[in-house]
Amino acid sequence: MTRDEALVQGLVRLGDNTLIIGHRVSEWCGHSPVLEEDIALANIALDMIGQTQLWLGLAGEIEGAGRDADTLAFHRDAWDFRNLLLCEMPNGDFGRTMMRQFLFDAWHSIYLGRLLKSSDARVAAIAEKASKEVAYHLERSADTVVALGDGTPESHDRMQAALDYLYPYVGEMFLSDEGDAVLAEAGIAPDPASLREEYDALVGRVLDKATLSVPENRYAQKGGRTGTMHTEHLGHLLAQMQWLQRAYPDATW
């Protein structure tokens, strides 16, 4: 795999992560428990979609095949997406959504922190912009996990159930393949496995405050790096997200 091929793959993964979880979060618009949460989640979704445009836009530029961010977002089917499985898991109740967001934000903040030192100036520039937004996302999701986990008996039980359900998807964040090795060797992006210790420490501190426990099968793992293990959830999500483009291909207004 060439350096450019690995970089395109890495950028698409980053863009797909933010696109899919951004769309999931947007599903709360008009349905959140209180108005403040409705506005906050809508803004987080917008941040994610903005980051998607940057990552996928750069991927299309480097690929040189005439595909821009919109084409990559709307003209691919489920098996071509490379997002983490965690990002596409259904919202469930509010607690599960915030637990999913926290588990992703913790990884995202650490990964972007490493990208700030990328040998590719374009990647570092996007990471600099995105990391400021994600710092807020992480602060907010962590505070909510603590508030609900250390709240009423019902909110605690719901957050523990959410953690038990979602935690098996965490392991995928730290798997690597040939493309990751190429990027790490070039100093463009970190080896995913190198993030695990920092991630576990960050997540552990928050879960301790939230009086929540990592599942006993903490090393059980769902998902992989091949992009072929998406659940049926992604197909349903794309049917909604890409409906207009599929109904009116390449329409303009």
Foldseek 3Di string as FASTA:
>chain_A
DDLLVLLLLVLLQLLLLLQLLLLLLLVCQVPDPDPVSNVVSPVSSVLSNVLSQLSQQVSCVSVVPPDGSVCSQQVDAQLPHQYQLLSLPHCPDVLLSLLSQQLVLLLLLLFLVLQCQAPDVSSNVSSVVSNVSSVVSNVVSLVVLLCQCQDDPVSVVVNQVSLAVRLQSSVQQQDDDPSLVSRCVNRNGNRSVVCVVVSCVVVVVSCVSSVHDHDPVNVRHDDHRPSRRHDVSRNVSSCVVNVVCVVPPPDDD
